[in-house]
Amino acid sequence: MSAVDRIKQMKQGLEDRLLPQRFVYHHIAKCGGTSVGRALRKRYLLSQATVTPEETFRAFQAFTGRNDRVDMMVDVFDLREQMLLYHMFHDVRGLSLHVRFSNIAWEHFKDRYKFITILREPVKRFVSHYHWSHGKSGAFGRIEEDFEPFLDTERARLVGATFVENLCGLPKEIPSYSDEAVAAAIANLDKFAVVGDLADLPRFETDIRRELGVKVKIGHENARSRTAVRRNELDDPVIRAKVEALCAPDIAVWNAYLAKRGN
């Protein structure tokens, strides 16, 4: 056995002793995921990886030569799923990724990996998503419209179905706001070992420790840095009703999650 092979064998032995439970953390936008992902990966330094949205989009753009940004935001899903599968077949122990739930990954690895995610009250998540993306020049996921005009766009319908998009596991051609996708997302909640609530991080940390056997402390990273006070768009009942209607797919998933959790 070569020196390199011996080192690999020693590393695998350490991983087996220190990191026996593999996990996939599905990072859903504006649900505190950056903080969660980093906290988990710090505990899995020997064997961890991530898949980030901006870099995968740029790689997809360079490879395809395309510039139709809005359609590419959906088409890049396949690349990210392939990267997830690569890392799992490579036996990376801790994975924190901006990747949709993959039924292929589940079928191949459900006995070895535990799946984790965290959610947030959908209307609050929608507004946070908008403000995080609005006016971010050069970012692939930027939103250019002001808030009220944005609510009339197709992108707003997709943002209101972000939970569904990430959890349904269906082909990307099926709209995430469709009844079929909502039903699939709700059913897939049962495939997760841990589903957390951003408003109850202590409970989420406890559930992670129970399932993974590691203690994590989740901080507050990637919070919006702007300090200027802005009008709360939801103070207007007409606008609130419109946002709630857009978020109906995610609200259905949220309510199903609360029911499963016992709230």
Protein backbone atom coordinates (compact mmCIF):
# COMPACT_ATOMS: atom_id res chain seq x y z
CA MET A 1 0.00 0.00 0.00
CA SER A 2 1.37 3.40 -0.99
CA ALA A 3 1.77 6.30 1.44
CA VAL A 4 -1.12 8.11 -0.24
CA ASP A 5 -3.38 5.08 0.18
CA ARG A 6 -2.40 4.77 3.85
CA ILE A 7 -3.24 8.44 4.45
CA LYS A 8 -6.60 7.98 2.73
CA GLN A 9 -7.30 4.93 4.87
CA MET A 10 -6.40 6.82 8.05
CA LYS A 11 -8.62 9.73 7.04
CA GLN A 12 -11.53 7.40 6.37
CA GLY A 13 -11.00 5.76 9.75
CA LEU A 14 -11.15 9.15 11.46
CA GLU A 15 -14.30 10.04 9.56
CA ASP A 16 -15.94 6.76 10.53
CA ARG A 17 -15.19 7.41 14.20
CA LEU A 18 -15.89 11.14 14.35
CA LEU A 19 -18.52 11.66 11.63
CA PRO A 20 -20.46 8.42 11.34
CA GLN A 21 -23.75 10.07 10.35
CA ARG A 22 -23.80 11.60 6.89
CA PHE A 23 -26.23 14.41 6.11
CA VAL A 24 -27.59 16.59 3.31
CA TYR A 25 -28.72 20.04 4.35
CA HIS A 26 -31.06 21.62 1.81
CA HIS A 27 -30.55 25.38 1.99
CA ILE A 28 -33.76 27.26 1.14
CA ALA A 29 -33.28 30.96 0.45
CA LYS A 30 -33.90 33.45 3.27
CA CYS A 31 -34.58 30.85 5.95
CA GLY A 32 -31.36 31.39 7.89
CA GLY A 33 -29.64 28.79 5.79
CA THR A 34 -26.21 30.38 5.56
CA SER A 35 -25.87 30.32 9.34
CA VAL A 36 -27.16 26.75 9.56
CA GLY A 37 -24.94 25.47 6.77
CA ARG A 38 -21.80 27.00 8.22
CA ALA A 39 -22.56 25.72 11.71
CA LEU A 40 -22.98 22.19 10.37
CA ARG A 41 -19.95 22.28 8.11
CA LYS A 42 -17.74 23.47 10.99
CA ARG A 43 -18.57 20.20 12.76
CA TYR A 44 -17.73 18.20 9.63
CA LEU A 45 -14.43 19.83 8.64
CA LEU A 46 -12.84 16.48 7.79
CA SER A 47 -15.40 15.80 5.08
CA GLN A 48 -17.76 18.53 3.91
CA ALA A 49 -18.78 20.36 0.76
CA THR A 50 -21.24 22.93 -0.50
CA VAL A 51 -22.97 23.93 -3.73
CA THR A 52 -23.65 27.66 -4.00
CA PRO A 53 -26.18 29.35 -6.29
CA GLU A 54 -24.15 32.19 -7.79
CA GLU A 55 -21.15 30.07 -8.72
CA THR A 56 -23.22 27.23 -10.19
CA PHE A 57 -25.19 29.74 -12.26
CA ARG A 58 -21.97 31.28 -13.61
CA ALA A 59 -20.56 27.84 -14.41
CA PHE A 60 -23.78 26.89 -16.21
CA GLN A 61 -23.73 30.17 -18.11
CA ALA A 62 -20.11 29.71 -19.18
CA PHE A 63 -20.66 26.10 -20.26
CA THR A 64 -23.85 26.75 -22.25
CA GLY A 65 -23.03 30.21 -23.57
CA ARG A 66 -26.58 31.28 -22.72
CA ASN A 67 -27.75 34.67 -21.50
CA ASP A 68 -31.50 34.11 -20.97
CA ARG A 69 -31.16 34.70 -17.24
CA VAL A 70 -34.73 34.01 -16.13
CA ASP A 71 -34.99 30.62 -17.88
CA MET A 72 -31.47 29.71 -16.79
CA MET A 73 -32.46 30.20 -13.15
CA VAL A 74 -34.65 27.11 -13.59
CA ASP A 75 -32.47 25.13 -16.00
CA VAL A 76 -29.47 25.28 -13.66
CA PHE A 77 -31.34 23.03 -11.20
CA ASP A 78 -30.14 19.92 -13.05
CA LEU A 79 -26.48 20.90 -12.72
CA ARG A 80 -26.88 21.42 -8.98
CA GLU A 81 -28.58 18.05 -8.56
CA GLN A 82 -25.75 16.38 -10.47
CA MET A 83 -23.24 18.05 -8.16
CA LEU A 84 -25.19 16.77 -5.15
CA LEU A 85 -25.07 13.23 -6.51
CA TYR A 86 -21.35 13.53 -7.25
CA HIS A 87 -20.60 14.50 -3.66
CA MET A 88 -22.78 11.70 -2.29
CA PHE A 89 -21.18 9.05 -4.49
CA HIS A 90 -17.83 10.45 -3.36
CA ASP A 91 -19.01 9.80 0.23
CA VAL A 92 -18.67 13.37 1.47
CA ARG A 93 -20.10 13.24 5.00
CA GLY A 94 -21.51 16.75 5.44
CA LEU A 95 -23.28 18.48 2.55
CA SER A 96 -24.82 21.95 2.73
CA LEU A 97 -26.25 22.93 -0.62
CA HIS A 98 -28.59 25.21 -2.54
CA VAL A 99 -30.09 22.19 -4.26
CA ARG A 100 -33.66 21.02 -4.74
CA PHE A 101 -34.71 17.78 -3.06
CA SER A 102 -33.63 14.91 -5.30
CA ASN A 103 -35.63 11.71 -5.45
CA ILE A 104 -32.65 10.08 -7.16
CA ALA A 105 -30.41 10.98 -4.23
CA TRP A 106 -33.08 9.81 -1.80
CA GLU A 107 -33.48 6.41 -3.44
CA HIS A 108 -29.73 5.81 -3.63
CA PHE A 109 -28.70 7.14 -0.24
CA LYS A 110 -31.68 7.19 2.14
CA ASP A 111 -30.07 4.48 4.29
CA ARG A 112 -26.77 6.37 4.65
CA TYR A 113 -27.64 10.06 4.67
CA LYS A 114 -30.11 12.05 6.75
CA PHE A 115 -31.84 14.96 5.08
CA ILE A 116 -32.26 18.28 6.88
CA THR A 117 -33.80 21.66 6.09
CA ILE A 118 -35.26 24.71 7.81
CA LEU A 119 -38.33 26.77 6.92
CA ARG A 120 -39.69 30.19 7.78
CA GLU A 121 -43.14 31.77 7.90
CA PRO A 122 -43.78 32.16 4.15
CA VAL A 123 -44.95 35.77 3.94
CA LYS A 124 -41.97 36.98 5.97
CA ARG A 125 -39.69 34.84 3.82
CA PHE A 126 -41.18 36.32 0.62
CA VAL A 127 -40.58 39.90 1.75
CA SER A 128 -37.06 39.07 2.93
CA HIS A 129 -36.31 37.36 -0.39
CA TYR A 130 -37.47 40.41 -2.29
CA HIS A 131 -35.39 42.88 -0.30
CA TRP A 132 -32.31 40.67 -0.39
CA SER A 133 -32.49 40.39 -4.19
CA HIS A 134 -33.77 43.85 -5.12
CA GLY A 135 -31.24 46.07 -6.84
CA LYS A 136 -28.32 43.63 -6.50
CA SER A 137 -26.62 44.63 -9.73
CA GLY A 138 -24.81 41.74 -11.40
CA ALA A 139 -26.33 39.01 -9.23
CA PHE A 140 -28.02 36.28 -11.24
CA GLY A 141 -31.08 36.31 -8.95
CA ARG A 142 -31.52 40.06 -8.84
CA ILE A 143 -34.99 41.60 -8.80
CA GLU A 144 -35.22 44.87 -10.69
CA GLU A 145 -38.85 45.90 -10.10
CA ASP A 146 -40.08 47.91 -7.13
CA PHE A 147 -42.16 45.90 -4.68
CA GLU A 148 -45.69 46.52 -5.93
CA PRO A 149 -44.91 46.07 -9.66
CA PHE A 150 -42.93 42.95 -8.77
CA LEU A 151 -46.06 41.31 -7.36
CA ASP A 152 -47.52 41.15 -10.87
CA THR A 153 -44.59 39.23 -12.37
CA GLU A 154 -44.08 35.53 -13.04
CA ARG A 155 -40.98 35.68 -10.85
CA ALA A 156 -43.17 36.69 -7.89
CA ARG A 157 -45.26 33.54 -8.40
CA LEU A 158 -42.08 31.49 -8.27
CA VAL A 159 -40.76 33.28 -5.19
CA GLY A 160 -44.09 32.57 -3.49
CA ALA A 161 -43.55 28.87 -4.17
CA THR A 162 -39.94 28.63 -3.00
CA PHE A 163 -40.61 25.85 -0.46
CA VAL A 164 -42.42 23.87 -3.13
CA GLU A 165 -39.65 24.44 -5.68
CA ASN A 166 -37.04 23.15 -3.25
CA LEU A 167 -38.97 20.22 -1.79
CA CYS A 168 -41.19 18.78 -4.53
CA GLY A 169 -38.51 16.70 -6.29
CA LEU A 170 -40.39 16.93 -9.59
CA PRO A 171 -38.95 17.74 -13.02
CA LYS A 172 -38.21 21.44 -13.37
CA GLU A 173 -40.74 21.70 -16.20
CA ILE A 174 -43.61 21.28 -13.72
CA PRO A 175 -44.51 24.72 -12.28
CA SER A 176 -43.69 24.95 -8.60
CA TYR A 177 -47.01 26.68 -7.91
CA SER A 178 -49.02 23.79 -9.40
CA ASP A 179 -51.21 21.56 -7.22
CA GLU A 180 -49.09 18.56 -8.24
CA ALA A 181 -45.91 20.21 -7.02
CA VAL A 182 -47.47 21.38 -3.75
CA ALA A 183 -48.72 17.86 -2.99
CA ALA A 184 -45.30 16.37 -3.76
CA ALA A 185 -43.53 18.90 -1.54
CA ILE A 186 -45.83 18.13 1.38
CA ALA A 187 -45.34 14.39 0.92
CA ASN A 188 -41.55 14.81 0.85
CA LEU A 189 -41.52 16.44 4.28
CA ASP A 190 -41.71 12.91 5.67
CA LYS A 191 -38.37 12.08 4.03
CA PHE A 192 -36.51 14.61 6.16
CA ALA A 193 -35.00 13.60 9.49
CA VAL A 194 -35.15 17.23 10.64
CA VAL A 195 -37.26 20.14 9.43
CA GLY A 196 -36.69 23.26 11.49
CA ASP A 197 -38.38 26.61 12.03
CA LEU A 198 -36.24 29.74 11.88
CA ALA A 199 -38.30 31.16 14.76
CA ASP A 200 -37.30 28.24 17.03
CA LEU A 201 -33.58 27.64 16.57
CA PRO A 202 -33.05 25.97 19.98
CA ARG A 203 -35.49 23.22 19.01
CA PHE A 204 -33.77 22.87 15.62
CA GLU A 205 -30.36 22.58 17.29
CA THR A 206 -31.72 19.92 19.64
CA ASP A 207 -33.19 17.94 16.75
CA ILE A 208 -29.89 18.10 14.85
CA ARG A 209 -27.99 16.82 17.88
CA ARG A 210 -30.44 13.94 18.24
CA GLU A 211 -30.19 12.91 14.58
CA LEU A 212 -26.52 13.62 13.79
CA GLY A 213 -24.92 13.23 17.19
CA VAL A 214 -23.18 16.62 16.98
CA LYS A 215 -23.84 19.83 18.87
CA VAL A 216 -24.23 22.97 16.78
CA LYS A 217 -24.72 26.61 17.68
CA ILE A 218 -26.40 28.57 14.91
CA GLY A 219 -25.46 32.23 14.61
CA HIS A 220 -26.88 35.03 12.47
CA GLU A 221 -24.97 35.35 9.22
CA ASN A 222 -25.96 36.86 5.88
CA ALA A 223 -28.41 39.25 7.56
CA ARG A 224 -29.33 42.31 5.57
CA SER A 225 -26.91 45.13 6.34
CA ARG A 226 -29.08 48.10 5.43
CA THR A 227 -30.07 50.03 8.54
CA ALA A 228 -32.40 52.60 7.00
CA VAL A 229 -35.98 52.24 8.17
CA ARG A 230 -38.27 51.30 5.30
CA ARG A 231 -42.01 51.20 5.04
CA ASN A 232 -43.49 47.84 5.86
CA GLU A 233 -45.21 46.83 2.66
CA LEU A 234 -47.50 44.50 4.55
CA ASP A 235 -49.12 47.38 6.44
CA ASP A 236 -51.30 47.88 3.38
CA PRO A 237 -54.06 45.21 3.59
CA VAL A 238 -54.43 45.07 -0.19
CA ILE A 239 -50.74 44.40 -0.69
CA ARG A 240 -50.67 41.87 2.17
CA ALA A 241 -53.56 39.98 0.60
CA LYS A 242 -51.71 39.90 -2.71
CA VAL A 243 -48.54 38.58 -1.11
CA GLU A 244 -50.48 35.95 0.81
CA ALA A 245 -52.12 34.82 -2.43
CA LEU A 246 -48.72 34.53 -4.11
CA CYS A 247 -47.43 32.56 -1.12
CA ALA A 248 -50.39 30.16 -1.10
CA PRO A 249 -48.25 27.20 -2.31
CA ASP A 250 -45.65 27.76 0.41
CA ILE A 251 -48.33 28.44 3.03
CA ALA A 252 -49.80 25.02 2.24
CA VAL A 253 -46.39 23.42 2.84
CA TRP A 254 -45.87 25.50 5.99
CA ASN A 255 -49.23 24.50 7.44
CA ALA A 256 -48.54 20.85 6.68
CA TYR A 257 -45.17 21.15 8.43
CA LEU A 258 -46.76 22.74 11.51
CA ALA A 259 -49.39 19.99 11.60
CA LYS A 260 -46.73 17.27 11.38
CA ARG A 261 -44.70 19.01 14.09
CA GLY A 262 -47.73 19.23 16.33
CA ASN A 263 -48.43 22.98 16.23
